[in-house]
Every structure is written in C-alpha cells, then in structure tokens.
N, C-alpha and C. Protein backbone atom coordinates (compact mmCIF):
# COMPACT_ATOMS: atom_id res chain seq x y z
N MET A 1 17.72 13.20 8.45
CA MET A 1 16.42 13.87 8.42
C MET A 1 15.30 12.83 8.42
N THR A 2 14.38 12.98 9.34
CA THR A 2 13.25 12.05 9.43
C THR A 2 12.28 12.30 8.29
N ARG A 3 11.91 11.23 7.60
CA ARG A 3 10.98 11.33 6.48
C ARG A 3 9.55 11.26 7.00
N ARG A 4 8.68 12.06 6.41
CA ARG A 4 7.27 12.11 6.79
C ARG A 4 6.48 11.19 5.85
N VAL A 5 5.66 10.32 6.44
CA VAL A 5 4.94 9.32 5.66
C VAL A 5 3.44 9.50 5.82
N ALA A 6 2.73 9.56 4.70
CA ALA A 6 1.27 9.51 4.69
C ALA A 6 0.84 8.17 4.12
N ILE A 7 -0.23 7.61 4.66
CA ILE A 7 -0.71 6.29 4.26
C ILE A 7 -2.15 6.42 3.79
N LEU A 8 -2.44 5.85 2.61
CA LEU A 8 -3.80 5.85 2.07
C LEU A 8 -4.37 4.45 2.17
N LEU A 9 -5.62 4.35 2.62
CA LEU A 9 -6.27 3.06 2.74
C LEU A 9 -7.75 3.17 2.43
N SER A 10 -8.39 2.01 2.26
CA SER A 10 -9.83 1.98 2.02
C SER A 10 -10.57 1.07 3.00
N GLY A 11 -9.83 0.20 3.70
CA GLY A 11 -10.48 -0.80 4.54
C GLY A 11 -10.00 -0.81 5.97
N GLY A 12 -9.74 -2.02 6.48
CA GLY A 12 -9.42 -2.20 7.88
C GLY A 12 -8.06 -1.72 8.31
N GLY A 13 -7.14 -1.58 7.36
CA GLY A 13 -5.87 -0.95 7.66
C GLY A 13 -4.82 -1.82 8.32
N SER A 14 -4.84 -3.15 8.07
CA SER A 14 -3.84 -3.99 8.74
C SER A 14 -2.42 -3.67 8.26
N ASN A 15 -2.24 -3.36 6.98
CA ASN A 15 -0.92 -2.99 6.51
C ASN A 15 -0.51 -1.62 7.06
N MET A 16 -1.46 -0.72 7.19
CA MET A 16 -1.17 0.58 7.80
C MET A 16 -0.65 0.39 9.22
N VAL A 17 -1.31 -0.48 9.98
CA VAL A 17 -0.88 -0.74 11.36
C VAL A 17 0.54 -1.29 11.39
N ALA A 18 0.83 -2.24 10.48
CA ALA A 18 2.18 -2.81 10.42
C ALA A 18 3.21 -1.74 10.10
N LEU A 19 2.89 -0.86 9.15
CA LEU A 19 3.81 0.22 8.80
C LEU A 19 4.00 1.18 9.98
N ALA A 20 2.90 1.61 10.57
CA ALA A 20 2.98 2.60 11.65
C ALA A 20 3.75 2.05 12.84
N ARG A 21 3.51 0.78 13.19
CA ARG A 21 4.21 0.18 14.33
C ARG A 21 5.71 0.06 14.08
N SER A 22 6.08 -0.06 12.80
CA SER A 22 7.50 -0.21 12.48
C SER A 22 8.26 1.11 12.58
N MET A 23 7.56 2.23 12.47
CA MET A 23 8.23 3.53 12.40
C MET A 23 8.50 4.10 13.79
N THR A 24 9.39 3.43 14.50
CA THR A 24 9.77 3.85 15.84
C THR A 24 11.29 3.74 15.97
N GLY A 25 11.82 4.17 17.09
CA GLY A 25 13.25 4.01 17.35
C GLY A 25 14.11 4.66 16.29
N ASP A 26 15.03 3.88 15.72
CA ASP A 26 15.97 4.42 14.74
C ASP A 26 15.43 4.40 13.31
N HIS A 27 14.15 4.12 13.15
CA HIS A 27 13.54 4.12 11.80
C HIS A 27 13.67 5.53 11.21
N PRO A 28 14.01 5.63 9.91
CA PRO A 28 14.21 6.95 9.31
C PRO A 28 12.93 7.69 8.94
N ALA A 29 11.77 7.16 9.31
CA ALA A 29 10.50 7.81 8.95
C ALA A 29 9.51 7.74 10.10
N ARG A 30 8.50 8.61 10.01
CA ARG A 30 7.41 8.63 10.99
C ARG A 30 6.09 8.86 10.25
N PRO A 31 4.99 8.24 10.72
CA PRO A 31 3.69 8.47 10.10
C PRO A 31 3.12 9.82 10.52
N VAL A 32 2.65 10.61 9.56
CA VAL A 32 2.09 11.92 9.88
C VAL A 32 0.61 12.03 9.53
N LEU A 33 0.10 11.11 8.70
CA LEU A 33 -1.30 11.19 8.28
C LEU A 33 -1.75 9.85 7.72
N VAL A 34 -2.96 9.45 8.07
CA VAL A 34 -3.62 8.30 7.44
C VAL A 34 -4.91 8.82 6.81
N MET A 35 -5.05 8.59 5.51
CA MET A 35 -6.20 9.09 4.75
C MET A 35 -6.97 7.91 4.15
N ALA A 36 -8.28 8.09 4.01
CA ALA A 36 -9.14 7.08 3.38
C ALA A 36 -10.06 7.76 2.38
N ASN A 37 -10.69 6.94 1.55
CA ASN A 37 -11.65 7.46 0.60
C ASN A 37 -13.09 7.26 1.09
N SER A 38 -13.22 7.00 2.38
CA SER A 38 -14.54 6.87 2.99
C SER A 38 -14.40 7.08 4.49
N ALA A 39 -15.36 7.75 5.09
CA ALA A 39 -15.30 8.04 6.53
C ALA A 39 -15.39 6.78 7.37
N ASP A 40 -15.97 5.71 6.83
CA ASP A 40 -16.17 4.51 7.64
C ASP A 40 -15.09 3.45 7.43
N ALA A 41 -13.98 3.80 6.78
CA ALA A 41 -12.86 2.86 6.65
C ALA A 41 -12.33 2.53 8.05
N GLY A 42 -12.29 1.25 8.37
CA GLY A 42 -11.90 0.83 9.72
C GLY A 42 -10.50 1.26 10.10
N GLY A 43 -9.62 1.43 9.12
CA GLY A 43 -8.25 1.83 9.42
C GLY A 43 -8.13 3.20 10.04
N LEU A 44 -9.10 4.09 9.80
CA LEU A 44 -9.04 5.44 10.37
C LEU A 44 -9.12 5.39 11.90
N GLU A 45 -10.01 4.56 12.40
CA GLU A 45 -10.16 4.43 13.85
C GLU A 45 -8.88 3.86 14.47
N LYS A 46 -8.29 2.88 13.79
CA LYS A 46 -7.05 2.28 14.30
C LYS A 46 -5.93 3.31 14.32
N ALA A 47 -5.84 4.11 13.26
CA ALA A 47 -4.79 5.13 13.20
C ALA A 47 -4.98 6.17 14.30
N ALA A 48 -6.21 6.60 14.50
CA ALA A 48 -6.48 7.58 15.56
C ALA A 48 -6.10 7.03 16.92
N ALA A 49 -6.38 5.74 17.14
CA ALA A 49 -6.02 5.11 18.42
C ALA A 49 -4.51 5.05 18.62
N MET A 50 -3.77 5.08 17.51
CA MET A 50 -2.31 5.08 17.58
C MET A 50 -1.74 6.49 17.65
N GLY A 51 -2.62 7.49 17.69
CA GLY A 51 -2.18 8.87 17.80
C GLY A 51 -1.75 9.51 16.50
N ILE A 52 -2.18 8.93 15.38
CA ILE A 52 -1.83 9.46 14.06
C ILE A 52 -2.98 10.31 13.54
N GLU A 53 -2.67 11.44 12.97
CA GLU A 53 -3.70 12.31 12.38
C GLU A 53 -4.41 11.55 11.25
N THR A 54 -5.71 11.73 11.16
CA THR A 54 -6.49 11.04 10.13
C THR A 54 -7.32 12.03 9.33
N GLY A 55 -7.77 11.58 8.18
CA GLY A 55 -8.66 12.37 7.35
C GLY A 55 -9.25 11.49 6.26
N PHE A 56 -10.23 12.02 5.56
CA PHE A 56 -10.81 11.27 4.44
C PHE A 56 -11.34 12.24 3.41
N VAL A 57 -11.36 11.74 2.17
CA VAL A 57 -12.05 12.41 1.08
C VAL A 57 -12.95 11.35 0.45
N ASP A 58 -14.25 11.47 0.68
CA ASP A 58 -15.20 10.49 0.16
C ASP A 58 -15.24 10.59 -1.36
N HIS A 59 -14.98 9.45 -2.02
CA HIS A 59 -14.93 9.48 -3.48
C HIS A 59 -16.32 9.53 -4.11
N ARG A 60 -17.35 9.17 -3.37
CA ARG A 60 -18.69 9.02 -3.97
C ARG A 60 -19.29 10.32 -4.51
N PRO A 61 -19.13 11.46 -3.83
CA PRO A 61 -19.67 12.69 -4.41
C PRO A 61 -18.98 13.10 -5.72
N PHE A 62 -17.81 12.51 -5.98
CA PHE A 62 -17.05 12.86 -7.19
C PHE A 62 -17.30 11.87 -8.33
N ALA A 63 -18.37 11.10 -8.24
CA ALA A 63 -18.64 10.06 -9.24
C ALA A 63 -18.47 10.61 -10.66
N GLY A 64 -17.63 9.92 -11.42
CA GLY A 64 -17.40 10.33 -12.81
C GLY A 64 -16.36 11.42 -12.98
N ASP A 65 -15.79 11.91 -11.88
CA ASP A 65 -14.78 12.98 -11.99
C ASP A 65 -13.60 12.64 -11.08
N ARG A 66 -12.78 11.70 -11.54
CA ARG A 66 -11.64 11.27 -10.74
C ARG A 66 -10.67 12.42 -10.51
N GLY A 67 -10.56 13.30 -11.49
CA GLY A 67 -9.65 14.44 -11.36
C GLY A 67 -10.01 15.32 -10.17
N ALA A 68 -11.29 15.59 -10.00
CA ALA A 68 -11.73 16.44 -8.89
C ALA A 68 -11.51 15.74 -7.55
N PHE A 69 -11.79 14.43 -7.51
CA PHE A 69 -11.52 13.66 -6.28
C PHE A 69 -10.04 13.72 -5.92
N GLU A 70 -9.20 13.50 -6.92
CA GLU A 70 -7.76 13.48 -6.66
C GLU A 70 -7.23 14.87 -6.29
N GLU A 71 -7.84 15.91 -6.82
CA GLU A 71 -7.42 17.26 -6.44
C GLU A 71 -7.72 17.51 -4.97
N ALA A 72 -8.90 17.06 -4.52
CA ALA A 72 -9.25 17.21 -3.11
C ALA A 72 -8.33 16.36 -2.23
N LEU A 73 -8.01 15.17 -2.69
CA LEU A 73 -7.11 14.28 -1.95
C LEU A 73 -5.71 14.89 -1.87
N HIS A 74 -5.23 15.40 -2.99
CA HIS A 74 -3.90 16.00 -3.02
C HIS A 74 -3.82 17.22 -2.11
N GLU A 75 -4.87 18.02 -2.10
CA GLU A 75 -4.90 19.22 -1.26
C GLU A 75 -4.78 18.84 0.22
N ARG A 76 -5.53 17.80 0.61
CA ARG A 76 -5.48 17.36 2.03
C ARG A 76 -4.12 16.76 2.36
N LEU A 77 -3.57 15.97 1.45
CA LEU A 77 -2.25 15.40 1.67
C LEU A 77 -1.19 16.48 1.80
N SER A 78 -1.28 17.48 0.96
CA SER A 78 -0.27 18.53 0.93
C SER A 78 -0.19 19.29 2.25
N GLN A 79 -1.31 19.36 2.97
CA GLN A 79 -1.31 20.03 4.27
C GLN A 79 -0.38 19.33 5.26
N ALA A 80 -0.24 18.00 5.10
CA ALA A 80 0.63 17.23 5.99
C ALA A 80 2.07 17.17 5.49
N ALA A 81 2.30 17.62 4.26
CA ALA A 81 3.63 17.69 3.66
C ALA A 81 4.42 16.39 3.80
N PRO A 82 3.86 15.26 3.34
CA PRO A 82 4.62 14.01 3.44
C PRO A 82 5.74 13.94 2.40
N ASP A 83 6.79 13.23 2.77
CA ASP A 83 7.88 12.94 1.83
C ASP A 83 7.60 11.66 1.04
N ILE A 84 6.85 10.75 1.68
CA ILE A 84 6.55 9.44 1.08
C ILE A 84 5.07 9.17 1.25
N LEU A 85 4.47 8.61 0.21
CA LEU A 85 3.06 8.23 0.23
C LEU A 85 2.97 6.72 0.06
N CYS A 86 2.37 6.04 1.04
CA CYS A 86 2.21 4.58 1.00
C CYS A 86 0.76 4.22 0.76
N LEU A 87 0.49 3.50 -0.32
CA LEU A 87 -0.84 2.96 -0.56
C LEU A 87 -0.92 1.62 0.17
N ALA A 88 -1.91 1.48 1.03
CA ALA A 88 -2.04 0.27 1.84
C ALA A 88 -3.49 -0.20 1.77
N GLY A 89 -3.83 -0.83 0.65
CA GLY A 89 -5.21 -1.24 0.45
C GLY A 89 -6.10 -0.09 0.05
N PHE A 90 -5.55 0.84 -0.72
CA PHE A 90 -6.33 1.97 -1.23
C PHE A 90 -6.96 1.54 -2.55
N MET A 91 -8.28 1.37 -2.54
CA MET A 91 -8.96 0.71 -3.65
C MET A 91 -9.51 1.71 -4.68
N ARG A 92 -8.71 2.70 -5.01
CA ARG A 92 -9.05 3.62 -6.09
C ARG A 92 -7.90 3.65 -7.08
N VAL A 93 -8.21 3.51 -8.36
CA VAL A 93 -7.18 3.62 -9.39
C VAL A 93 -6.85 5.09 -9.58
N LEU A 94 -5.58 5.42 -9.48
CA LEU A 94 -5.15 6.82 -9.55
C LEU A 94 -4.76 7.19 -10.97
N THR A 95 -5.07 8.42 -11.35
CA THR A 95 -4.80 8.87 -12.71
C THR A 95 -3.32 9.24 -12.87
N GLU A 96 -2.92 9.38 -14.11
CA GLU A 96 -1.54 9.75 -14.42
C GLU A 96 -1.17 11.10 -13.79
N GLY A 97 -2.14 12.02 -13.78
CA GLY A 97 -1.88 13.34 -13.23
C GLY A 97 -1.55 13.29 -11.75
N PHE A 98 -2.29 12.49 -10.98
CA PHE A 98 -2.02 12.37 -9.55
C PHE A 98 -0.68 11.67 -9.32
N VAL A 99 -0.47 10.58 -10.04
CA VAL A 99 0.78 9.82 -9.88
C VAL A 99 1.99 10.69 -10.19
N ALA A 100 1.89 11.53 -11.22
CA ALA A 100 3.03 12.37 -11.61
C ALA A 100 3.45 13.29 -10.47
N ARG A 101 2.48 13.75 -9.68
CA ARG A 101 2.81 14.65 -8.57
C ARG A 101 3.63 13.96 -7.49
N TRP A 102 3.46 12.65 -7.38
CA TRP A 102 4.11 11.90 -6.31
C TRP A 102 5.14 10.90 -6.86
N GLN A 103 5.43 11.00 -8.14
CA GLN A 103 6.34 10.04 -8.78
C GLN A 103 7.66 9.94 -8.02
N GLY A 104 8.08 8.69 -7.78
CA GLY A 104 9.33 8.46 -7.07
C GLY A 104 9.21 8.54 -5.57
N ARG A 105 8.00 8.87 -5.08
CA ARG A 105 7.79 9.00 -3.63
C ARG A 105 6.59 8.18 -3.16
N MET A 106 5.98 7.40 -4.06
CA MET A 106 4.75 6.68 -3.73
C MET A 106 4.96 5.18 -3.89
N LEU A 107 4.62 4.43 -2.83
CA LEU A 107 4.76 2.98 -2.81
C LEU A 107 3.38 2.32 -2.73
N ASN A 108 3.32 1.09 -3.21
CA ASN A 108 2.09 0.29 -3.13
C ASN A 108 2.47 -1.15 -2.82
N ILE A 109 1.59 -1.85 -2.11
CA ILE A 109 1.75 -3.29 -1.93
C ILE A 109 0.65 -3.99 -2.69
N HIS A 110 1.04 -5.06 -3.41
CA HIS A 110 0.09 -5.79 -4.25
C HIS A 110 0.19 -7.28 -3.93
N PRO A 111 -0.96 -7.97 -3.80
CA PRO A 111 -0.93 -9.37 -3.39
C PRO A 111 -0.70 -10.35 -4.55
N SER A 112 0.43 -10.21 -5.21
CA SER A 112 0.89 -11.22 -6.16
C SER A 112 2.38 -11.00 -6.39
N LEU A 113 3.00 -11.95 -7.06
CA LEU A 113 4.40 -11.80 -7.44
C LEU A 113 4.43 -11.12 -8.80
N LEU A 114 4.36 -9.80 -8.77
CA LEU A 114 4.37 -9.05 -10.02
C LEU A 114 5.62 -9.41 -10.83
N PRO A 115 5.51 -9.45 -12.16
CA PRO A 115 4.42 -8.92 -12.98
C PRO A 115 3.20 -9.84 -13.14
N LYS A 116 3.15 -10.96 -12.42
CA LYS A 116 1.96 -11.82 -12.50
C LYS A 116 0.78 -11.15 -11.81
N TYR A 117 -0.39 -11.31 -12.39
CA TYR A 117 -1.67 -11.01 -11.74
C TYR A 117 -1.81 -9.57 -11.25
N ARG A 118 -1.68 -8.65 -12.17
CA ARG A 118 -2.04 -7.28 -11.85
C ARG A 118 -3.56 -7.22 -11.63
N GLY A 119 -4.00 -6.23 -10.88
CA GLY A 119 -5.44 -6.06 -10.68
C GLY A 119 -5.97 -6.91 -9.53
N LEU A 120 -7.22 -7.33 -9.66
CA LEU A 120 -7.95 -7.97 -8.57
C LEU A 120 -7.93 -9.49 -8.65
N HIS A 121 -8.45 -10.13 -7.58
CA HIS A 121 -8.66 -11.59 -7.50
C HIS A 121 -7.37 -12.37 -7.72
N THR A 122 -6.27 -11.87 -7.17
CA THR A 122 -4.97 -12.47 -7.44
C THR A 122 -4.83 -13.88 -6.87
N HIS A 123 -5.40 -14.12 -5.70
CA HIS A 123 -5.24 -15.42 -5.05
C HIS A 123 -5.98 -16.50 -5.85
N ALA A 124 -7.21 -16.21 -6.25
CA ALA A 124 -7.96 -17.17 -7.06
C ALA A 124 -7.26 -17.42 -8.39
N ARG A 125 -6.70 -16.39 -8.98
CA ARG A 125 -6.02 -16.54 -10.27
C ARG A 125 -4.77 -17.39 -10.14
N ALA A 126 -4.04 -17.23 -9.03
CA ALA A 126 -2.85 -18.06 -8.81
C ALA A 126 -3.23 -19.52 -8.64
N LEU A 127 -4.32 -19.78 -7.93
CA LEU A 127 -4.78 -21.16 -7.74
C LEU A 127 -5.28 -21.76 -9.06
N GLU A 128 -6.03 -20.97 -9.82
CA GLU A 128 -6.55 -21.46 -11.10
C GLU A 128 -5.42 -21.80 -12.06
N ALA A 129 -4.31 -21.06 -11.96
CA ALA A 129 -3.17 -21.30 -12.84
C ALA A 129 -2.33 -22.48 -12.39
N GLY A 130 -2.60 -23.00 -11.19
CA GLY A 130 -1.82 -24.12 -10.68
C GLY A 130 -0.42 -23.73 -10.23
N ASP A 131 -0.25 -22.47 -9.81
CA ASP A 131 1.07 -22.00 -9.39
C ASP A 131 1.54 -22.74 -8.13
N ALA A 132 2.85 -22.98 -8.07
CA ALA A 132 3.43 -23.62 -6.89
C ALA A 132 3.70 -22.62 -5.78
N GLU A 133 3.83 -21.35 -6.15
CA GLU A 133 4.04 -20.32 -5.15
C GLU A 133 3.31 -19.05 -5.54
N HIS A 134 3.04 -18.27 -4.53
CA HIS A 134 2.31 -17.01 -4.68
C HIS A 134 3.02 -16.02 -3.77
N GLY A 135 2.49 -14.85 -3.57
CA GLY A 135 3.16 -13.93 -2.67
C GLY A 135 2.69 -12.51 -2.84
N CYS A 136 3.57 -11.56 -2.51
CA CYS A 136 3.22 -10.15 -2.56
C CYS A 136 4.42 -9.34 -3.02
N THR A 137 4.13 -8.14 -3.50
CA THR A 137 5.15 -7.27 -4.07
C THR A 137 4.93 -5.85 -3.59
N VAL A 138 6.01 -5.17 -3.20
CA VAL A 138 5.97 -3.72 -2.98
C VAL A 138 6.67 -3.08 -4.17
N HIS A 139 6.02 -2.07 -4.75
CA HIS A 139 6.59 -1.43 -5.93
C HIS A 139 6.35 0.08 -5.88
N GLU A 140 7.17 0.80 -6.61
CA GLU A 140 6.91 2.22 -6.81
C GLU A 140 5.69 2.35 -7.71
N VAL A 141 4.87 3.35 -7.46
CA VAL A 141 3.66 3.55 -8.26
C VAL A 141 4.00 4.38 -9.49
N THR A 142 3.56 3.87 -10.63
CA THR A 142 3.65 4.58 -11.91
C THR A 142 2.25 4.65 -12.49
N PRO A 143 2.06 5.40 -13.58
CA PRO A 143 0.70 5.52 -14.13
C PRO A 143 0.09 4.19 -14.56
N ALA A 144 0.90 3.20 -14.97
CA ALA A 144 0.37 1.89 -15.36
C ALA A 144 0.03 1.09 -14.10
N LEU A 145 -1.09 0.40 -14.11
CA LEU A 145 -1.58 -0.32 -12.93
C LEU A 145 -0.62 -1.42 -12.50
N ASP A 146 -0.22 -1.39 -11.23
CA ASP A 146 0.63 -2.43 -10.63
C ASP A 146 1.87 -2.70 -11.48
N ASP A 147 2.55 -1.64 -11.90
CA ASP A 147 3.59 -1.82 -12.91
C ASP A 147 4.91 -1.11 -12.61
N GLY A 148 5.08 -0.48 -11.46
CA GLY A 148 6.30 0.28 -11.22
C GLY A 148 7.47 -0.59 -10.82
N PRO A 149 8.65 0.01 -10.66
CA PRO A 149 9.84 -0.74 -10.25
C PRO A 149 9.59 -1.51 -8.96
N ILE A 150 10.03 -2.77 -8.94
CA ILE A 150 9.80 -3.65 -7.79
C ILE A 150 10.84 -3.35 -6.71
N LEU A 151 10.35 -3.10 -5.49
CA LEU A 151 11.21 -2.79 -4.36
C LEU A 151 11.27 -3.91 -3.35
N GLY A 152 10.42 -4.92 -3.50
CA GLY A 152 10.45 -6.05 -2.59
C GLY A 152 9.43 -7.10 -2.95
N GLN A 153 9.76 -8.36 -2.65
CA GLN A 153 8.80 -9.45 -2.85
C GLN A 153 8.96 -10.47 -1.73
N ALA A 154 7.83 -11.08 -1.38
CA ALA A 154 7.83 -12.18 -0.42
C ALA A 154 7.05 -13.34 -1.04
N ARG A 155 7.60 -14.54 -0.90
CA ARG A 155 7.01 -15.71 -1.54
C ARG A 155 6.30 -16.60 -0.52
N VAL A 156 5.19 -17.17 -0.94
CA VAL A 156 4.38 -18.04 -0.09
C VAL A 156 4.09 -19.31 -0.88
N PRO A 157 4.45 -20.50 -0.36
CA PRO A 157 4.15 -21.73 -1.09
C PRO A 157 2.63 -21.96 -1.15
N VAL A 158 2.17 -22.43 -2.29
CA VAL A 158 0.77 -22.84 -2.43
C VAL A 158 0.66 -24.27 -1.89
N GLN A 159 -0.29 -24.50 -1.00
CA GLN A 159 -0.44 -25.80 -0.36
C GLN A 159 -1.60 -26.58 -0.97
N PRO A 160 -1.52 -27.92 -0.95
CA PRO A 160 -2.65 -28.72 -1.47
C PRO A 160 -3.94 -28.35 -0.75
N GLY A 161 -5.00 -28.19 -1.50
CA GLY A 161 -6.29 -27.85 -0.91
C GLY A 161 -6.46 -26.39 -0.55
N ASP A 162 -5.51 -25.56 -0.93
CA ASP A 162 -5.63 -24.13 -0.63
C ASP A 162 -6.89 -23.54 -1.24
N THR A 163 -7.51 -22.63 -0.50
CA THR A 163 -8.61 -21.81 -1.01
C THR A 163 -8.08 -20.40 -1.21
N PRO A 164 -8.76 -19.59 -2.00
CA PRO A 164 -8.33 -18.20 -2.13
C PRO A 164 -8.24 -17.50 -0.77
N GLU A 165 -9.18 -17.81 0.14
CA GLU A 165 -9.20 -17.15 1.44
C GLU A 165 -8.01 -17.58 2.31
N GLY A 166 -7.73 -18.87 2.31
CA GLY A 166 -6.60 -19.37 3.10
C GLY A 166 -5.27 -18.85 2.58
N LEU A 167 -5.15 -18.84 1.26
CA LEU A 167 -3.92 -18.33 0.65
C LEU A 167 -3.78 -16.83 0.93
N ALA A 168 -4.88 -16.10 0.83
CA ALA A 168 -4.86 -14.66 1.10
C ALA A 168 -4.38 -14.37 2.52
N ALA A 169 -4.83 -15.17 3.47
CA ALA A 169 -4.44 -14.95 4.87
C ALA A 169 -2.94 -15.13 5.06
N ARG A 170 -2.37 -16.15 4.41
CA ARG A 170 -0.92 -16.38 4.54
C ARG A 170 -0.12 -15.30 3.82
N VAL A 171 -0.63 -14.85 2.68
CA VAL A 171 0.05 -13.77 1.97
C VAL A 171 0.00 -12.48 2.79
N LEU A 172 -1.13 -12.23 3.44
CA LEU A 172 -1.26 -11.01 4.25
C LEU A 172 -0.23 -10.98 5.37
N GLU A 173 0.03 -12.13 5.99
CA GLU A 173 1.06 -12.20 7.03
C GLU A 173 2.41 -11.75 6.48
N MET A 174 2.72 -12.15 5.25
CA MET A 174 3.98 -11.76 4.64
C MET A 174 3.97 -10.28 4.24
N GLU A 175 2.80 -9.77 3.84
CA GLU A 175 2.70 -8.34 3.54
C GLU A 175 3.10 -7.51 4.75
N HIS A 176 2.67 -7.96 5.93
CA HIS A 176 2.95 -7.23 7.16
C HIS A 176 4.43 -7.24 7.52
N ARG A 177 5.18 -8.19 6.99
CA ARG A 177 6.63 -8.21 7.18
C ARG A 177 7.35 -7.44 6.07
N LEU A 178 6.87 -7.62 4.83
CA LEU A 178 7.57 -7.06 3.68
C LEU A 178 7.46 -5.54 3.61
N TYR A 179 6.25 -5.02 3.73
CA TYR A 179 6.05 -3.59 3.51
C TYR A 179 6.88 -2.75 4.49
N PRO A 180 6.88 -3.07 5.80
CA PRO A 180 7.73 -2.28 6.70
C PRO A 180 9.21 -2.37 6.35
N ALA A 181 9.67 -3.55 5.92
CA ALA A 181 11.09 -3.71 5.58
C ALA A 181 11.44 -2.84 4.37
N VAL A 182 10.55 -2.80 3.37
CA VAL A 182 10.81 -1.99 2.18
C VAL A 182 10.76 -0.50 2.54
N LEU A 183 9.77 -0.10 3.34
CA LEU A 183 9.65 1.31 3.70
C LEU A 183 10.90 1.79 4.43
N ARG A 184 11.40 0.99 5.36
CA ARG A 184 12.60 1.39 6.11
C ARG A 184 13.76 1.64 5.14
N ARG A 185 13.94 0.73 4.20
CA ARG A 185 15.04 0.88 3.23
C ARG A 185 14.80 2.08 2.31
N PHE A 186 13.57 2.23 1.84
CA PHE A 186 13.22 3.32 0.92
C PHE A 186 13.40 4.67 1.60
N ALA A 187 12.96 4.78 2.86
CA ALA A 187 13.07 6.04 3.59
C ALA A 187 14.52 6.42 3.84
N ALA A 188 15.40 5.42 3.83
CA ALA A 188 16.83 5.68 3.99
C ALA A 188 17.50 5.98 2.65
N GLY A 189 16.71 6.05 1.59
CA GLY A 189 17.24 6.41 0.27
C GLY A 189 17.75 5.25 -0.52
N ARG A 190 17.39 4.04 -0.15
CA ARG A 190 17.86 2.84 -0.85
C ARG A 190 16.71 2.17 -1.59
N ARG A 191 17.01 1.71 -2.81
CA ARG A 191 15.96 1.13 -3.65
C ARG A 191 16.26 -0.32 -4.06
N GLU A 192 17.31 -0.91 -3.54
CA GLU A 192 17.54 -2.31 -3.91
C GLU A 192 16.44 -3.17 -3.28
N PRO A 193 15.95 -4.16 -4.02
CA PRO A 193 14.78 -4.90 -3.55
C PRO A 193 15.03 -5.71 -2.28
N VAL A 194 14.02 -5.75 -1.44
CA VAL A 194 13.98 -6.64 -0.27
C VAL A 194 13.33 -7.93 -0.73
N LEU A 195 14.00 -9.06 -0.53
CA LEU A 195 13.46 -10.36 -0.95
C LEU A 195 13.30 -11.25 0.28
N LEU A 196 12.08 -11.64 0.56
CA LEU A 196 11.81 -12.56 1.66
C LEU A 196 11.43 -13.92 1.08
N PRO A 197 11.93 -15.00 1.68
CA PRO A 197 11.65 -16.34 1.13
C PRO A 197 10.17 -16.70 1.24
C-alpha cells in the first residue's frame, strides 16, 4: 500500500524538494500535499511546479492562539488524509495536542547531532563548543522540542576556519541525502536508524 505524505515548511523548501524527488518508482510513498504557515513561503511555488497540491494556513492572524492555528492546520491536512507528516523547515513549535494527533506518524529533520543543540543557531553553537563534527538528525516528533526517537543521523566534519554559514551549507547537503533515506525506510514500516558517515 502506497503511503500518503504531507510536508510542512516555512521557507524555500529545499528539503521538501529532496523528499518529493525521492518518492518515485518503487518508493513506498508519494507526496500528496505541501503546506506552509505563510502564503509567500518559497517552497509552495516549487511544490506546485512539481505537480503537488499546496496550501497554507497563515499563523499571523492566530497570534497568541496556537491551538486555533493548529486546528485550522489539522483541518486542512485531514482533507488530504496523509499517512505520514514530514516537517521540513517548519518554523512553528507545535503543541502537545497537535503532536498527539500525529504521534508515530510525524518526522522532523534538525540541523544537529541530537541530543546536542536542540532549538536554533545549531551551527554557531557547534563551532563555539569546538566540536570536531556536526551534522543532522531525523527523528519522530514528540511533544518535547527536538526530542523524539532518532531515525537517522548524518555526520559532517568541522573544518578549520568554518563559519556558521559554511557549515550550514555542508550540513544541508547531508540533510538532502538523509531525510529521503529515512522516509523511504519509515514508509516501509521500518524504524531502525539510517546512519550516514
């Protein structure tokens, strides 16, 4: 049975593109919807160009009421009836109530080797700490921020003279390899972690 995948994003959607391009041939899943929290998220245009249905729920009118925003988001998602929800640069913290509805079916990619550096500014924090390596993690989403079971990690060596921007660019390249590999395995019902060097 082909699994239906919805992807949430807030920006340019490079991870969404990597995921969508991977879901062809014998892949056990297909993209059915790309959603954003703003009409001007660049990823929506890219998804539409790829023939994927798009939509958005602008979070700004819901200022101070995350529950109402998430209810509107859930309603729109439910119309597409996805089996799996992939967060791909979705820059809204989701409440426990929303996560509970999708528990066990929602993935996220985070630009650090979790459990290190939950939250923002991960590349600068890795450099400030003097880490020898950095990377990215795909995990199941739980109510705690960046804290669910790890489904995959990719490691990137920190190079002398690295800047947060340069390190971020190399990590992003690995994100584009890791996330599709994890999604393929997850959609096939497997949860053993994918580890990329």
